[in-house]
Amino acid sequence: MVERFFSKITEKMIRRSSFNNTEELDNAILNFIAVHNENPKVYIWTKDADTIIAKWIKCKDVLGALH
């Protein structure tokens, strides 16, 4: 989810703008976050923790067997 959020900032704000210095960039990012947070959406997990952990262990074991 974090990577998706940073991707959204990059696509919708950073690439479409130009900044004269890092302070302008910082302010633009903070403004983007403030606007985004005005209409928050709750993320609802569709799997329980045990299912997620079991899948992670299985993937780790498969990837470990490849080395």
Protein backbone atom coordinates (compact mmCIF):
# COMPACT_ATOMS: atom_id res chain seq x y z
CA MET A 1 0.00 0.00 0.00
CA VAL A 2 2.86 2.37 0.77
CA GLU A 3 4.45 1.81 -2.62
CA ARG A 4 1.13 2.45 -4.32
CA PHE A 5 0.72 5.70 -2.43
CA PHE A 6 4.20 6.94 -3.40
CA SER A 7 3.52 5.90 -6.98
CA LYS A 8 0.34 7.99 -6.92
CA ILE A 9 2.25 11.02 -5.61
CA THR A 10 4.86 10.58 -8.34
CA GLU A 11 2.38 10.11 -11.19
CA LYS A 12 -0.18 12.74 -10.22
CA MET A 13 2.00 15.46 -8.73
CA ILE A 14 5.76 15.21 -9.13
CA ARG A 15 5.97 14.31 -12.84
CA ARG A 16 3.36 16.91 -13.78
CA SER A 17 5.11 19.77 -11.99
CA SER A 18 8.43 21.56 -11.80
CA PHE A 19 10.09 22.82 -8.66
CA ASN A 20 12.77 25.46 -8.19
CA ASN A 21 14.07 23.95 -4.96
CA THR A 22 13.50 21.18 -2.46
CA GLU A 23 11.35 23.41 -0.25
CA GLU A 24 8.81 23.78 -3.08
CA LEU A 25 8.87 20.00 -3.60
CA ASP A 26 8.40 19.37 0.13
CA ASN A 27 5.47 21.79 0.28
CA ALA A 28 3.85 20.22 -2.79
CA ILE A 29 4.14 16.72 -1.29
CA LEU A 30 2.72 17.88 2.05
CA ASN A 31 -0.14 19.62 0.25
CA PHE A 32 -0.86 16.46 -1.79
CA ILE A 33 -0.99 14.41 1.41
CA ALA A 34 -3.29 16.96 3.11
CA VAL A 35 -5.72 16.92 0.17
CA HIS A 36 -5.57 13.12 -0.03
CA ASN A 37 -6.34 12.83 3.69
CA GLU A 38 -9.46 15.00 3.40
CA ASN A 39 -11.30 11.98 1.96
CA PRO A 40 -9.66 8.91 3.54
CA LYS A 41 -10.56 5.39 2.50
CA VAL A 42 -10.25 2.53 4.94
CA TYR A 43 -8.27 -0.46 3.70
CA ILE A 44 -10.03 -3.71 4.58
CA TRP A 45 -7.89 -6.84 4.63
CA THR A 46 -9.53 -9.67 2.74
CA LYS A 47 -7.41 -12.40 4.29
CA ASP A 48 -6.73 -13.16 7.92
CA ALA A 49 -3.21 -12.94 9.33
CA ASP A 50 -2.72 -16.72 9.48
CA THR A 51 -3.49 -17.09 5.77
CA ILE A 52 -1.10 -14.27 4.83
CA ILE A 53 1.70 -15.67 7.00
CA ALA A 54 1.21 -19.19 5.66
CA LYS A 55 1.46 -17.91 2.08
CA TRP A 56 4.57 -15.90 2.92
CA ILE A 57 6.24 -18.99 4.46
CA LYS A 58 5.36 -21.09 1.40
CA CYS A 59 6.80 -18.46 -0.98
CA LYS A 60 9.93 -18.09 1.15
CA ASP A 61 10.45 -21.87 1.10
CA VAL A 62 10.00 -22.06 -2.69
CA LEU A 63 12.38 -19.15 -3.29
CA GLY A 64 14.90 -20.60 -0.85
CA ALA A 65 14.84 -23.90 -2.76
CA LEU A 66 15.83 -22.06 -5.95
CA HIS A 67 19.19 -20.97 -4.52
